[in-house]
Amino acid sequence: GAYPLGFKQASRREIDARAPRRHGATMEFTVDPPQFVTAPDGVRLAVYCAGAGPAVVLLHGFLSCSAKNWHAPGLMQAIVEAGFSVIAPDVRGHGKSDAPDDPALYPKDVLPADVEAVLSALTVRDYALVGYSLGARTAGRLLARGAKPRRLVLAGMGDGIAFGVDARIRHFEDAI
């Protein structure tokens, strides 16, 4: 169907045609243990880094983590093999990052603020940004806060991420 603002949903055939073809990995892909970045409020954020080349920041989905969304299915490996570096933080309350019990440590826009803290600590200024599910919402909030990634991919949210956002935001805010 028609999508506003020129959005177009790719067919499975188009996606498969663009996917890199790998004829078996020559070596097993492993990711080093996470580095930790401390957010301004003291929460420790786990960050997985791999590869060399232009940076791709990967933001995982709700109730998941970078290991499950990006490493286990081979997406980090594919991105690194394509000549990029990967920066994949576990947002607070997820994965290896701190999960504080104090509700005051989950204020509005804390997740994009955490990503900004990670980018600042790693001195990353030029990057592509990929968000899946909650990560897509976080990426959208980063843009609203002034982030200017080189490229942007929002996935796992349907067109509701751009249209009819208020109800989706309330859903995630209630869940968090």
N, C-alpha and C. Protein backbone atom coordinates (compact mmCIF):
# COMPACT_ATOMS: atom_id res chain seq x y z
N GLY A 1 0.80 -1.18 0.00
CA GLY A 1 0.00 0.00 0.00
C GLY A 1 0.85 1.25 0.00
N ALA A 2 0.17 2.37 -0.10
CA ALA A 2 0.87 3.66 -0.10
C ALA A 2 1.23 4.06 1.32
N TYR A 3 2.40 4.59 1.48
CA TYR A 3 2.87 5.07 2.77
C TYR A 3 3.11 6.57 2.67
N PRO A 4 2.71 7.33 3.69
CA PRO A 4 2.95 8.76 3.68
C PRO A 4 4.45 9.07 3.65
N LEU A 5 4.79 10.25 3.23
CA LEU A 5 6.16 10.76 3.21
C LEU A 5 7.12 9.90 2.39
N GLY A 6 6.57 9.13 1.45
CA GLY A 6 7.45 8.35 0.57
C GLY A 6 7.98 7.06 1.19
N PHE A 7 7.50 6.66 2.39
CA PHE A 7 7.93 5.39 2.96
C PHE A 7 7.46 4.27 2.07
N LYS A 8 8.25 3.22 1.95
CA LYS A 8 7.88 2.06 1.16
C LYS A 8 8.34 0.83 1.91
N GLN A 9 7.44 -0.11 2.09
CA GLN A 9 7.82 -1.36 2.74
C GLN A 9 8.45 -2.27 1.71
N ALA A 10 9.66 -2.77 2.00
CA ALA A 10 10.35 -3.67 1.09
C ALA A 10 9.73 -5.05 1.17
N SER A 11 9.68 -5.73 0.04
CA SER A 11 9.19 -7.11 0.02
C SER A 11 10.29 -8.03 0.54
N ARG A 12 9.92 -9.24 0.93
CA ARG A 12 10.90 -10.23 1.39
C ARG A 12 11.93 -10.48 0.30
N ARG A 13 11.51 -10.53 -0.97
CA ARG A 13 12.44 -10.75 -2.07
C ARG A 13 13.46 -9.61 -2.17
N GLU A 14 12.99 -8.34 -2.02
CA GLU A 14 13.92 -7.21 -2.06
C GLU A 14 14.91 -7.25 -0.91
N ILE A 15 14.43 -7.62 0.28
CA ILE A 15 15.31 -7.71 1.44
C ILE A 15 16.35 -8.80 1.22
N ASP A 16 15.91 -9.99 0.77
CA ASP A 16 16.84 -11.09 0.53
C ASP A 16 17.87 -10.74 -0.54
N ALA A 17 17.46 -9.99 -1.57
CA ALA A 17 18.38 -9.62 -2.65
C ALA A 17 19.48 -8.68 -2.15
N ARG A 18 19.16 -7.87 -1.13
CA ARG A 18 20.14 -6.92 -0.59
C ARG A 18 21.03 -7.54 0.48
N ALA A 19 20.63 -8.68 1.02
CA ALA A 19 21.38 -9.29 2.12
C ALA A 19 22.74 -9.77 1.63
N PRO A 20 23.78 -9.57 2.44
CA PRO A 20 25.10 -10.06 2.03
C PRO A 20 25.10 -11.58 1.94
N ARG A 21 25.80 -12.10 0.97
CA ARG A 21 25.90 -13.55 0.79
C ARG A 21 27.18 -14.02 1.46
N ARG A 22 27.03 -14.94 2.40
CA ARG A 22 28.20 -15.51 3.07
C ARG A 22 28.23 -17.00 2.73
N HIS A 23 29.39 -17.46 2.36
CA HIS A 23 29.54 -18.87 2.01
C HIS A 23 30.24 -19.60 3.14
N GLY A 24 29.79 -19.36 4.37
CA GLY A 24 30.40 -20.00 5.54
C GLY A 24 31.50 -19.13 6.10
N ALA A 25 31.45 -18.94 7.37
CA ALA A 25 32.47 -18.12 8.04
C ALA A 25 33.78 -18.89 8.09
N THR A 26 34.88 -18.19 7.87
CA THR A 26 36.18 -18.83 7.93
C THR A 26 36.67 -18.95 9.36
N MET A 27 36.10 -18.17 10.27
CA MET A 27 36.46 -18.28 11.67
C MET A 27 35.24 -17.92 12.50
N GLU A 28 35.19 -18.45 13.72
CA GLU A 28 34.06 -18.16 14.59
C GLU A 28 34.10 -16.71 15.03
N PHE A 29 32.95 -16.08 15.00
CA PHE A 29 32.85 -14.67 15.39
C PHE A 29 32.52 -14.60 16.87
N THR A 30 33.36 -13.93 17.61
CA THR A 30 33.11 -13.73 19.03
C THR A 30 33.14 -12.24 19.34
N VAL A 31 32.45 -11.89 20.38
CA VAL A 31 32.42 -10.49 20.82
C VAL A 31 33.08 -10.43 22.19
N ASP A 32 33.94 -9.46 22.37
CA ASP A 32 34.58 -9.28 23.67
C ASP A 32 33.54 -8.98 24.73
N PRO A 33 33.87 -9.25 26.00
CA PRO A 33 32.96 -8.85 27.08
C PRO A 33 32.67 -7.35 26.97
N PRO A 34 31.55 -6.92 27.52
CA PRO A 34 31.20 -5.50 27.36
C PRO A 34 32.13 -4.57 28.12
N GLN A 35 32.27 -3.38 27.56
CA GLN A 35 32.85 -2.26 28.31
C GLN A 35 31.71 -1.68 29.12
N PHE A 36 32.02 -0.89 30.12
CA PHE A 36 30.96 -0.24 30.88
C PHE A 36 31.15 1.26 30.83
N VAL A 37 30.05 1.95 30.57
CA VAL A 37 30.00 3.41 30.57
C VAL A 37 29.07 3.78 31.72
N THR A 38 29.46 4.78 32.48
CA THR A 38 28.61 5.22 33.58
C THR A 38 27.79 6.43 33.13
N ALA A 39 26.47 6.28 33.24
CA ALA A 39 25.56 7.38 32.91
C ALA A 39 25.72 8.48 33.95
N PRO A 40 25.28 9.70 33.64
CA PRO A 40 25.42 10.81 34.59
C PRO A 40 24.80 10.54 35.97
N ASP A 41 23.79 9.67 36.04
CA ASP A 41 23.16 9.37 37.33
C ASP A 41 23.79 8.18 38.04
N GLY A 42 24.91 7.65 37.50
CA GLY A 42 25.64 6.58 38.14
C GLY A 42 25.30 5.18 37.67
N VAL A 43 24.31 5.02 36.81
CA VAL A 43 23.93 3.70 36.31
C VAL A 43 25.01 3.23 35.32
N ARG A 44 25.45 1.98 35.51
CA ARG A 44 26.47 1.39 34.61
C ARG A 44 25.79 0.74 33.42
N LEU A 45 26.26 1.11 32.23
CA LEU A 45 25.69 0.62 30.97
C LEU A 45 26.70 -0.27 30.27
N ALA A 46 26.30 -1.50 29.96
CA ALA A 46 27.15 -2.42 29.22
C ALA A 46 27.12 -2.05 27.74
N VAL A 47 28.30 -2.05 27.12
CA VAL A 47 28.41 -1.70 25.70
C VAL A 47 29.32 -2.71 25.02
N TYR A 48 28.79 -3.35 23.98
CA TYR A 48 29.57 -4.30 23.20
C TYR A 48 30.11 -3.58 21.96
N CYS A 49 31.40 -3.75 21.71
CA CYS A 49 32.04 -3.11 20.56
C CYS A 49 32.78 -4.18 19.77
N ALA A 50 32.70 -4.10 18.46
CA ALA A 50 33.38 -5.06 17.60
C ALA A 50 33.67 -4.40 16.26
N GLY A 51 34.71 -4.88 15.59
CA GLY A 51 35.00 -4.45 14.23
C GLY A 51 35.77 -3.15 14.15
N ALA A 52 36.03 -2.76 12.91
CA ALA A 52 36.72 -1.52 12.59
C ALA A 52 36.05 -0.93 11.36
N GLY A 53 36.04 0.38 11.29
CA GLY A 53 35.39 1.03 10.15
C GLY A 53 34.32 1.97 10.64
N PRO A 54 33.52 2.49 9.74
CA PRO A 54 32.44 3.40 10.14
C PRO A 54 31.53 2.75 11.19
N ALA A 55 31.12 3.54 12.17
CA ALA A 55 30.35 3.02 13.30
C ALA A 55 28.88 2.81 12.94
N VAL A 56 28.34 1.69 13.44
CA VAL A 56 26.91 1.39 13.38
C VAL A 56 26.48 1.14 14.83
N VAL A 57 25.56 1.97 15.31
CA VAL A 57 25.04 1.84 16.67
C VAL A 57 23.76 1.04 16.61
N LEU A 58 23.71 -0.06 17.37
CA LEU A 58 22.57 -0.96 17.37
C LEU A 58 21.83 -0.87 18.70
N LEU A 59 20.55 -0.54 18.66
CA LEU A 59 19.73 -0.42 19.86
C LEU A 59 18.70 -1.54 19.88
N HIS A 60 18.78 -2.39 20.90
CA HIS A 60 17.94 -3.58 20.99
C HIS A 60 16.51 -3.27 21.41
N GLY A 61 15.68 -4.31 21.38
CA GLY A 61 14.27 -4.20 21.71
C GLY A 61 13.96 -4.37 23.19
N PHE A 62 12.70 -4.16 23.51
CA PHE A 62 12.18 -4.23 24.87
C PHE A 62 12.33 -5.66 25.42
N LEU A 63 12.74 -5.75 26.68
CA LEU A 63 12.95 -7.02 27.38
C LEU A 63 13.94 -7.92 26.66
N SER A 64 14.86 -7.34 25.93
CA SER A 64 15.89 -8.09 25.24
C SER A 64 17.24 -7.49 25.61
N CYS A 65 18.24 -7.76 24.79
CA CYS A 65 19.57 -7.20 25.02
C CYS A 65 20.35 -7.32 23.70
N SER A 66 21.53 -6.74 23.67
CA SER A 66 22.32 -6.76 22.45
C SER A 66 22.73 -8.17 22.06
N ALA A 67 23.02 -9.01 23.06
CA ALA A 67 23.41 -10.39 22.75
C ALA A 67 22.30 -11.13 22.02
N LYS A 68 21.05 -10.94 22.47
CA LYS A 68 19.92 -11.65 21.86
C LYS A 68 19.49 -11.03 20.52
N ASN A 69 19.42 -9.70 20.45
CA ASN A 69 18.93 -9.06 19.22
C ASN A 69 19.98 -8.98 18.12
N TRP A 70 21.24 -8.83 18.48
CA TRP A 70 22.24 -8.52 17.46
C TRP A 70 23.33 -9.57 17.30
N HIS A 71 23.83 -10.15 18.41
CA HIS A 71 24.92 -11.11 18.29
C HIS A 71 24.42 -12.51 17.93
N ALA A 72 23.49 -13.06 18.70
CA ALA A 72 23.03 -14.43 18.49
C ALA A 72 22.53 -14.71 17.06
N PRO A 73 21.76 -13.82 16.46
CA PRO A 73 21.29 -14.11 15.09
C PRO A 73 22.32 -13.81 14.01
N GLY A 74 23.52 -13.37 14.37
CA GLY A 74 24.58 -13.14 13.39
C GLY A 74 24.59 -11.76 12.77
N LEU A 75 23.76 -10.84 13.26
CA LEU A 75 23.72 -9.50 12.66
C LEU A 75 24.98 -8.70 12.94
N MET A 76 25.51 -8.80 14.16
CA MET A 76 26.77 -8.10 14.45
C MET A 76 27.87 -8.61 13.52
N GLN A 77 27.95 -9.91 13.37
CA GLN A 77 28.98 -10.51 12.51
C GLN A 77 28.84 -10.01 11.08
N ALA A 78 27.63 -9.99 10.55
CA ALA A 78 27.42 -9.54 9.17
C ALA A 78 27.84 -8.08 9.00
N ILE A 79 27.55 -7.25 9.99
CA ILE A 79 27.90 -5.83 9.91
C ILE A 79 29.42 -5.66 9.97
N VAL A 80 30.07 -6.39 10.87
CA VAL A 80 31.53 -6.32 10.98
C VAL A 80 32.19 -6.84 9.70
N GLU A 81 31.69 -7.96 9.18
CA GLU A 81 32.26 -8.52 7.95
C GLU A 81 32.06 -7.59 6.75
N ALA A 82 31.07 -6.72 6.83
CA ALA A 82 30.85 -5.75 5.75
C ALA A 82 31.75 -4.53 5.88
N GLY A 83 32.62 -4.50 6.91
CA GLY A 83 33.60 -3.43 7.04
C GLY A 83 33.22 -2.31 8.00
N PHE A 84 32.29 -2.56 8.87
CA PHE A 84 31.86 -1.55 9.84
C PHE A 84 32.26 -1.94 11.25
N SER A 85 32.24 -0.98 12.14
CA SER A 85 32.36 -1.28 13.56
C SER A 85 30.97 -1.23 14.17
N VAL A 86 30.76 -2.02 15.21
CA VAL A 86 29.48 -2.09 15.88
C VAL A 86 29.61 -1.59 17.30
N ILE A 87 28.66 -0.77 17.71
CA ILE A 87 28.53 -0.32 19.09
C ILE A 87 27.11 -0.71 19.51
N ALA A 88 27.01 -1.63 20.47
CA ALA A 88 25.70 -2.16 20.84
C ALA A 88 25.53 -2.10 22.36
N PRO A 89 24.92 -1.03 22.86
CA PRO A 89 24.71 -0.95 24.31
C PRO A 89 23.50 -1.77 24.75
N ASP A 90 23.58 -2.28 25.97
CA ASP A 90 22.40 -2.81 26.64
C ASP A 90 21.82 -1.62 27.40
N VAL A 91 20.57 -1.24 27.10
CA VAL A 91 19.99 -0.10 27.81
C VAL A 91 19.72 -0.48 29.27
N ARG A 92 19.62 0.53 30.12
CA ARG A 92 19.42 0.26 31.56
C ARG A 92 18.22 -0.66 31.76
N GLY A 93 18.39 -1.56 32.72
CA GLY A 93 17.34 -2.52 33.01
C GLY A 93 17.34 -3.73 32.10
N HIS A 94 18.30 -3.83 31.20
CA HIS A 94 18.36 -4.91 30.22
C HIS A 94 19.77 -5.49 30.16
N GLY A 95 19.87 -6.77 29.82
CA GLY A 95 21.16 -7.40 29.59
C GLY A 95 22.10 -7.25 30.77
N LYS A 96 23.34 -6.86 30.47
CA LYS A 96 24.39 -6.74 31.49
C LYS A 96 24.44 -5.36 32.13
N SER A 97 23.59 -4.44 31.68
CA SER A 97 23.55 -3.10 32.30
C SER A 97 22.85 -3.17 33.65
N ASP A 98 23.13 -2.16 34.48
CA ASP A 98 22.45 -2.07 35.77
C ASP A 98 20.94 -2.00 35.56
N ALA A 99 20.22 -2.57 36.53
CA ALA A 99 18.76 -2.52 36.54
C ALA A 99 18.31 -1.99 37.90
N PRO A 100 18.43 -0.67 38.08
CA PRO A 100 18.10 -0.11 39.39
C PRO A 100 16.62 -0.29 39.75
N ASP A 101 16.37 -0.47 41.04
CA ASP A 101 15.00 -0.62 41.53
C ASP A 101 14.30 0.71 41.74
N ASP A 102 15.05 1.77 41.87
CA ASP A 102 14.50 3.09 42.18
C ASP A 102 13.82 3.68 40.95
N PRO A 103 12.50 3.89 41.01
CA PRO A 103 11.78 4.47 39.86
C PRO A 103 12.33 5.83 39.44
N ALA A 104 12.95 6.55 40.36
CA ALA A 104 13.51 7.87 40.02
C ALA A 104 14.65 7.76 39.01
N LEU A 105 15.22 6.56 38.86
CA LEU A 105 16.31 6.36 37.90
C LEU A 105 15.81 5.97 36.51
N TYR A 106 14.50 6.13 36.30
CA TYR A 106 13.89 5.88 34.99
C TYR A 106 13.06 7.10 34.56
N PRO A 107 13.66 8.29 34.55
CA PRO A 107 12.88 9.46 34.15
C PRO A 107 12.62 9.47 32.65
N LYS A 108 11.75 10.38 32.24
CA LYS A 108 11.46 10.55 30.81
C LYS A 108 12.77 10.76 30.06
N ASP A 109 12.88 10.14 28.92
CA ASP A 109 14.02 10.25 28.00
C ASP A 109 15.34 9.72 28.57
N VAL A 110 15.28 8.86 29.58
CA VAL A 110 16.51 8.33 30.14
C VAL A 110 17.25 7.43 29.14
N LEU A 111 16.52 6.66 28.33
CA LEU A 111 17.20 5.77 27.39
C LEU A 111 17.97 6.53 26.32
N PRO A 112 17.38 7.54 25.66
CA PRO A 112 18.19 8.30 24.72
C PRO A 112 19.34 9.04 25.41
N ALA A 113 19.12 9.50 26.63
CA ALA A 113 20.21 10.16 27.37
C ALA A 113 21.34 9.17 27.63
N ASP A 114 20.99 7.92 27.93
CA ASP A 114 22.01 6.89 28.12
C ASP A 114 22.80 6.65 26.84
N VAL A 115 22.11 6.58 25.71
CA VAL A 115 22.81 6.38 24.43
C VAL A 115 23.73 7.57 24.16
N GLU A 116 23.27 8.77 24.44
CA GLU A 116 24.13 9.96 24.28
C GLU A 116 25.36 9.84 25.16
N ALA A 117 25.21 9.33 26.39
CA ALA A 117 26.35 9.15 27.29
C ALA A 117 27.34 8.14 26.73
N VAL A 118 26.82 7.06 26.14
CA VAL A 118 27.68 6.05 25.52
C VAL A 118 28.45 6.65 24.36
N LEU A 119 27.75 7.35 23.47
CA LEU A 119 28.41 7.95 22.30
C LEU A 119 29.47 8.96 22.74
N SER A 120 29.17 9.73 23.76
CA SER A 120 30.13 10.71 24.27
C SER A 120 31.35 10.02 24.87
N ALA A 121 31.13 9.00 25.69
CA ALA A 121 32.24 8.30 26.34
C ALA A 121 33.15 7.62 25.32
N LEU A 122 32.57 7.13 24.25
CA LEU A 122 33.35 6.46 23.20
C LEU A 122 33.81 7.43 22.11
N THR A 123 33.52 8.70 22.28
CA THR A 123 33.84 9.78 21.32
C THR A 123 33.37 9.43 19.90
N VAL A 124 32.14 8.97 19.80
CA VAL A 124 31.55 8.63 18.51
C VAL A 124 30.68 9.80 18.07
N ARG A 125 31.03 10.37 16.92
CA ARG A 125 30.27 11.50 16.40
C ARG A 125 29.63 11.20 15.04
N ASP A 126 30.25 10.30 14.29
CA ASP A 126 29.76 9.94 12.96
C ASP A 126 29.34 8.48 13.01
N TYR A 127 28.05 8.21 12.83
CA TYR A 127 27.55 6.85 13.00
C TYR A 127 26.23 6.68 12.25
N ALA A 128 25.95 5.42 11.94
CA ALA A 128 24.62 5.02 11.48
C ALA A 128 23.90 4.49 12.71
N LEU A 129 22.60 4.64 12.75
CA LEU A 129 21.82 4.26 13.92
C LEU A 129 20.73 3.27 13.51
N VAL A 130 20.67 2.13 14.21
CA VAL A 130 19.69 1.09 13.95
C VAL A 130 18.95 0.82 15.25
N GLY A 131 17.63 0.93 15.23
CA GLY A 131 16.84 0.63 16.41
C GLY A 131 15.77 -0.38 16.09
N TYR A 132 15.63 -1.36 16.98
CA TYR A 132 14.60 -2.38 16.83
C TYR A 132 13.63 -2.30 18.00
N SER A 133 12.33 -2.20 17.73
CA SER A 133 11.29 -2.17 18.76
C SER A 133 11.54 -0.99 19.71
N LEU A 134 11.78 -1.27 20.98
CA LEU A 134 12.09 -0.18 21.92
C LEU A 134 13.29 0.62 21.43
N GLY A 135 14.24 -0.05 20.79
CA GLY A 135 15.40 0.64 20.23
C GLY A 135 15.01 1.63 19.15
N ALA A 136 13.96 1.32 18.38
CA ALA A 136 13.47 2.26 17.36
C ALA A 136 12.85 3.48 18.03
N ARG A 137 12.11 3.27 19.10
CA ARG A 137 11.54 4.40 19.84
C ARG A 137 12.66 5.25 20.43
N THR A 138 13.67 4.60 20.98
CA THR A 138 14.81 5.32 21.55
C THR A 138 15.53 6.11 20.46
N ALA A 139 15.70 5.50 19.29
CA ALA A 139 16.34 6.21 18.17
C ALA A 139 15.52 7.42 17.76
N GLY A 140 14.19 7.27 17.72
CA GLY A 140 13.33 8.41 17.41
C GLY A 140 13.49 9.54 18.41
N ARG A 141 13.58 9.20 19.68
CA ARG A 141 13.78 10.22 20.72
C ARG A 141 15.16 10.86 20.59
N LEU A 142 16.16 10.08 20.19
CA LEU A 142 17.49 10.66 19.96
C LEU A 142 17.43 11.73 18.88
N LEU A 143 16.68 11.45 17.81
CA LEU A 143 16.53 12.44 16.75
C LEU A 143 15.84 13.69 17.28
N ALA A 144 14.80 13.50 18.07
CA ALA A 144 14.07 14.64 18.64
C ALA A 144 14.96 15.48 19.54
N ARG A 145 15.98 14.85 20.12
CA ARG A 145 16.92 15.54 21.02
C ARG A 145 18.11 16.13 20.26
N GLY A 146 18.11 15.98 18.93
CA GLY A 146 19.15 16.63 18.13
C GLY A 146 20.18 15.71 17.51
N ALA A 147 20.09 14.40 17.72
CA ALA A 147 21.06 13.49 17.10
C ALA A 147 20.96 13.58 15.58
N LYS A 148 22.09 13.43 14.93
CA LYS A 148 22.13 13.49 13.46
C LYS A 148 22.95 12.31 12.93
N PRO A 149 22.38 11.10 13.00
CA PRO A 149 23.13 9.96 12.47
C PRO A 149 23.29 10.07 10.96
N ARG A 150 24.33 9.43 10.46
CA ARG A 150 24.61 9.40 9.02
C ARG A 150 23.48 8.67 8.28
N ARG A 151 23.01 7.58 8.86
CA ARG A 151 21.91 6.79 8.32
C ARG A 151 21.04 6.36 9.50
N LEU A 152 19.79 6.01 9.22
CA LEU A 152 18.87 5.61 10.28
C LEU A 152 18.00 4.45 9.80
N VAL A 153 17.89 3.42 10.63
CA VAL A 153 16.98 2.30 10.38
C VAL A 153 16.12 2.14 11.62
N LEU A 154 14.80 2.19 11.43
CA LEU A 154 13.84 1.94 12.51
C LEU A 154 13.08 0.68 12.13
N ALA A 155 13.14 -0.33 12.98
CA ALA A 155 12.53 -1.62 12.65
C ALA A 155 11.72 -2.16 13.82
N GLY A 156 10.80 -3.04 13.49
CA GLY A 156 10.04 -3.73 14.51
C GLY A 156 8.98 -2.89 15.20
N MET A 157 8.58 -1.80 14.57
CA MET A 157 7.57 -0.93 15.16
C MET A 157 6.43 -0.64 14.18
N GLY A 158 6.54 -1.09 12.96
CA GLY A 158 5.55 -0.74 11.96
C GLY A 158 5.60 0.76 11.69
N ASP A 159 4.66 1.26 10.92
CA ASP A 159 4.69 2.69 10.63
C ASP A 159 4.17 3.52 11.80
N GLY A 160 3.75 2.86 12.89
CA GLY A 160 3.31 3.57 14.09
C GLY A 160 4.43 4.36 14.74
N ILE A 161 5.68 4.04 14.44
CA ILE A 161 6.79 4.80 14.99
C ILE A 161 6.77 6.23 14.47
N ALA A 162 6.29 6.40 13.25
CA ALA A 162 6.25 7.74 12.67
C ALA A 162 4.85 8.34 12.68
N PHE A 163 3.83 7.48 12.73
CA PHE A 163 2.46 7.95 12.65
C PHE A 163 1.66 7.35 13.79
N GLY A 164 0.99 8.15 14.56
CA GLY A 164 0.24 7.65 15.70
C GLY A 164 1.15 7.26 16.85
N VAL A 165 2.20 8.03 17.05
CA VAL A 165 3.24 7.71 18.01
C VAL A 165 2.77 7.81 19.46
N ASP A 166 1.86 8.71 19.77
CA ASP A 166 1.50 8.96 21.17
C ASP A 166 1.07 7.71 21.92
N ALA A 167 0.21 6.89 21.33
CA ALA A 167 -0.25 5.68 22.01
C ALA A 167 0.91 4.70 22.21
N ARG A 168 1.78 4.60 21.23
CA ARG A 168 2.93 3.69 21.32
C ARG A 168 3.88 4.16 22.43
N ILE A 169 4.12 5.45 22.51
CA ILE A 169 4.98 5.99 23.57
C ILE A 169 4.38 5.68 24.93
N ARG A 170 3.08 5.92 25.09
CA ARG A 170 2.44 5.62 26.38
C ARG A 170 2.58 4.15 26.73
N HIS A 171 2.46 3.26 25.74
CA HIS A 171 2.59 1.83 25.97
C HIS A 171 3.98 1.52 26.56
N PHE A 172 5.04 2.03 25.93
CA PHE A 172 6.39 1.76 26.42
C PHE A 172 6.66 2.44 27.75
N GLU A 173 6.18 3.66 27.92
CA GLU A 173 6.38 4.35 29.21
C GLU A 173 5.69 3.59 30.34
N ASP A 174 4.49 3.07 30.07
CA ASP A 174 3.78 2.28 31.09
C ASP A 174 4.52 0.99 31.39
N ALA A 175 5.08 0.37 30.35
CA ALA A 175 5.79 -0.89 30.55
C ALA A 175 7.10 -0.71 31.30
N ILE A 176 7.76 0.41 31.06
CA ILE A 176 9.04 0.66 31.71
C ILE A 176 8.80 1.17 33.10
